[in-house]
Amino acid sequence: MSSASAATAPAPAAAPATGSITTSIPCTVGGVASTCQLTVTSFKVVNGAIDAVGTVTGGGVTVPFHLGNILCAVANLLNNTGSTTTGLRQIVNLLNQILARL
């Protein structure tokens, strides 16, 4: 195999960068008030709303979650943007970039 052939071979795909945000939240485990860990691992657009995706961990159990419409409901971020879908995707891309750098 010549060096020219080796130079044009496609490079293996890099693993996507990952990150997360974790915070303590009040919860109930086995009927007892406790503190759980909420970890947001990514954001996505689902049915026209931004969802936070991650897990809640407490009492030795981890449960996945999706929190829908988190940003629009809180701050009306998309008022007068023209295209709700485009605006949501742009926000999701930025949020995922932030998580990837954590």
C-alpha atoms as a PDB file:
ATOM      1  CA  MET A   1       0.000   0.000   0.000  1.00  0.00           C
ATOM      2  CA  SER A   2       1.487   3.356  -0.952  1.00  0.00           C
ATOM      3  CA  SER A   3       1.742   6.283   1.420  1.00  0.00           C
ATOM      4  CA  ALA A   4      -0.684   8.241  -0.812  1.00  0.00           C
ATOM      5  CA  SER A   5      -3.364   5.575  -0.282  1.00  0.00           C
ATOM      6  CA  ALA A   6      -2.844   5.612   3.448  1.00  0.00           C
ATOM      7  CA  ALA A   7      -3.129   9.396   3.536  1.00  0.00           C
ATOM      8  CA  THR A   8      -6.530   9.370   1.824  1.00  0.00           C
ATOM      9  CA  ALA A   9      -8.095   6.702   4.037  1.00  0.00           C
ATOM     10  CA  PRO A  10     -10.941   8.105   6.155  1.00  0.00           C
ATOM     11  CA  ALA A  11     -10.100   8.792   9.773  1.00  0.00           C
ATOM     12  CA  PRO A  12     -12.129   6.942  12.391  1.00  0.00           C
ATOM     13  CA  ALA A  13     -15.039   8.942  13.790  1.00  0.00           C
ATOM     14  CA  ALA A  14     -14.287  10.663  17.069  1.00  0.00           C
ATOM     15  CA  ALA A  15     -16.481   9.828  20.029  1.00  0.00           C
ATOM     16  CA  PRO A  16     -18.966  12.620  20.738  1.00  0.00           C
ATOM     17  CA  ALA A  17     -18.017  14.899  23.588  1.00  0.00           C
ATOM     18  CA  THR A  18     -20.208  14.418  26.638  1.00  0.00           C
ATOM     19  CA  GLY A  19     -20.897  16.393  29.766  1.00  0.00           C
ATOM     20  CA  SER A  20     -23.622  16.888  32.291  1.00  0.00           C
ATOM     21  CA  ILE A  21     -25.035  19.162  34.950  1.00  0.00           C
ATOM     22  CA  THR A  22     -25.913  17.651  38.327  1.00  0.00           C
ATOM     23  CA  THR A  23     -27.805  19.202  41.229  1.00  0.00           C
ATOM     24  CA  SER A  24     -29.403  17.980  44.437  1.00  0.00           C
ATOM     25  CA  ILE A  25     -33.207  17.936  44.558  1.00  0.00           C
ATOM     26  CA  PRO A  26     -35.708  16.943  47.241  1.00  0.00           C
ATOM     27  CA  CYS A  27     -37.328  13.561  46.619  1.00  0.00           C
ATOM     28  CA  THR A  28     -39.095  10.704  48.372  1.00  0.00           C
ATOM     29  CA  VAL A  29     -37.404   7.293  48.481  1.00  0.00           C
ATOM     30  CA  GLY A  30     -39.395   4.421  49.968  1.00  0.00           C
ATOM     31  CA  GLY A  31     -41.864   6.889  51.495  1.00  0.00           C
ATOM     32  CA  VAL A  32     -39.083   8.810  53.270  1.00  0.00           C
ATOM     33  CA  ALA A  33     -38.081  12.374  52.389  1.00  0.00           C
ATOM     34  CA  SER A  34     -34.583  12.366  50.977  1.00  0.00           C
ATOM     35  CA  THR A  35     -32.212  14.179  48.616  1.00  0.00           C
ATOM     36  CA  CYS A  36     -31.678  12.839  45.106  1.00  0.00           C
ATOM     37  CA  GLN A  37     -29.287  13.826  42.325  1.00  0.00           C
ATOM     38  CA  LEU A  38     -30.784  15.220  39.098  1.00  0.00           C
ATOM     39  CA  THR A  39     -28.333  14.941  36.186  1.00  0.00           C
ATOM     40  CA  VAL A  40     -29.078  16.600  32.830  1.00  0.00           C
ATOM     41  CA  THR A  41     -27.083  14.911  30.061  1.00  0.00           C
ATOM     42  CA  SER A  42     -28.550  16.482  26.896  1.00  0.00           C
ATOM     43  CA  PHE A  43     -31.300  18.572  25.365  1.00  0.00           C
ATOM     44  CA  LYS A  44     -33.532  17.833  22.368  1.00  0.00           C
ATOM     45  CA  VAL A  45     -36.603  19.149  20.580  1.00  0.00           C
ATOM     46  CA  VAL A  46     -39.715  16.983  21.068  1.00  0.00           C
ATOM     47  CA  ASN A  47     -43.103  18.021  19.674  1.00  0.00           C
ATOM     48  CA  GLY A  48     -42.057  21.655  19.399  1.00  0.00           C
ATOM     49  CA  ALA A  49     -40.656  21.916  22.943  1.00  0.00           C
ATOM     50  CA  ILE A  50     -37.165  21.692  24.417  1.00  0.00           C
ATOM     51  CA  ASP A  51     -36.689  18.599  26.591  1.00  0.00           C
ATOM     52  CA  ALA A  52     -33.938  18.156  29.146  1.00  0.00           C
ATOM     53  CA  VAL A  53     -32.838  14.516  29.212  1.00  0.00           C
ATOM     54  CA  GLY A  54     -31.044  12.774  32.046  1.00  0.00           C
ATOM     55  CA  THR A  55     -31.485  10.794  35.242  1.00  0.00           C
ATOM     56  CA  VAL A  56     -32.613  11.126  38.837  1.00  0.00           C
ATOM     57  CA  THR A  57     -30.627   9.007  41.295  1.00  0.00           C
ATOM     58  CA  GLY A  58     -31.511   8.281  44.900  1.00  0.00           C
ATOM     59  CA  GLY A  59     -31.815   5.338  47.279  1.00  0.00           C
ATOM     60  CA  GLY A  60     -29.656   3.187  45.007  1.00  0.00           C
ATOM     61  CA  VAL A  61     -32.038   3.630  42.055  1.00  0.00           C
ATOM     62  CA  THR A  62     -31.512   5.649  38.862  1.00  0.00           C
ATOM     63  CA  VAL A  63     -34.541   6.685  36.815  1.00  0.00           C
ATOM     64  CA  PRO A  64     -34.370   8.362  33.371  1.00  0.00           C
ATOM     65  CA  PHE A  65     -36.371  11.539  32.789  1.00  0.00           C
ATOM     66  CA  HIS A  66     -37.426  14.000  30.090  1.00  0.00           C
ATOM     67  CA  LEU A  67     -38.440  17.513  31.219  1.00  0.00           C
ATOM     68  CA  GLY A  68     -40.418  19.049  28.381  1.00  0.00           C
ATOM     69  CA  ASN A  69     -40.796  22.690  27.409  1.00  0.00           C
ATOM     70  CA  ILE A  70     -38.376  23.804  30.098  1.00  0.00           C
ATOM     71  CA  LEU A  71     -37.035  26.969  28.513  1.00  0.00           C
ATOM     72  CA  CYS A  72     -40.033  28.291  26.623  1.00  0.00           C
ATOM     73  CA  ALA A  73     -42.330  28.100  29.621  1.00  0.00           C
ATOM     74  CA  VAL A  74     -39.877  29.865  31.905  1.00  0.00           C
ATOM     75  CA  ALA A  75     -38.538  32.694  29.772  1.00  0.00           C
ATOM     76  CA  ASN A  76     -40.595  32.904  26.530  1.00  0.00           C
ATOM     77  CA  LEU A  77     -37.317  32.659  24.635  1.00  0.00           C
ATOM     78  CA  LEU A  78     -38.921  32.172  21.252  1.00  0.00           C
ATOM     79  CA  ASN A  79     -41.283  35.158  21.127  1.00  0.00           C
ATOM     80  CA  ASN A  80     -41.169  36.791  17.680  1.00  0.00           C
ATOM     81  CA  THR A  81     -38.407  34.557  16.284  1.00  0.00           C
ATOM     82  CA  GLY A  82     -40.291  33.744  13.082  1.00  0.00           C
ATOM     83  CA  SER A  83     -39.551  30.027  13.108  1.00  0.00           C
ATOM     84  CA  THR A  84     -40.189  28.151  16.321  1.00  0.00           C
ATOM     85  CA  THR A  85     -38.563  24.940  15.079  1.00  0.00           C
ATOM     86  CA  THR A  86     -35.406  26.713  13.911  1.00  0.00           C
ATOM     87  CA  GLY A  87     -35.165  28.691  17.149  1.00  0.00           C
ATOM     88  CA  LEU A  88     -35.628  25.580  19.269  1.00  0.00           C
ATOM     89  CA  ARG A  89     -32.993  23.640  17.346  1.00  0.00           C
ATOM     90  CA  GLN A  90     -30.529  26.524  17.691  1.00  0.00           C
ATOM     91  CA  ILE A  91     -31.084  26.663  21.452  1.00  0.00           C
ATOM     92  CA  VAL A  92     -30.772  22.865  21.755  1.00  0.00           C
ATOM     93  CA  ASN A  93     -27.502  22.928  19.784  1.00  0.00           C
ATOM     94  CA  LEU A  94     -26.085  25.623  22.064  1.00  0.00           C
ATOM     95  CA  LEU A  95     -27.162  23.811  25.245  1.00  0.00           C
ATOM     96  CA  ASN A  96     -25.607  20.550  24.044  1.00  0.00           C
ATOM     97  CA  GLN A  97     -22.378  22.392  23.181  1.00  0.00           C
ATOM     98  CA  ILE A  98     -22.284  23.770  26.730  1.00  0.00           C
ATOM     99  CA  LEU A  99     -22.815  20.300  28.208  1.00  0.00           C
ATOM    100  CA  ALA A 100     -20.093  18.842  25.993  1.00  0.00           C
ATOM    101  CA  ARG A 101     -17.552  21.267  27.459  1.00  0.00           C
ATOM    102  CA  LEU A 102     -18.320  20.505  31.106  1.00  0.00           C
END
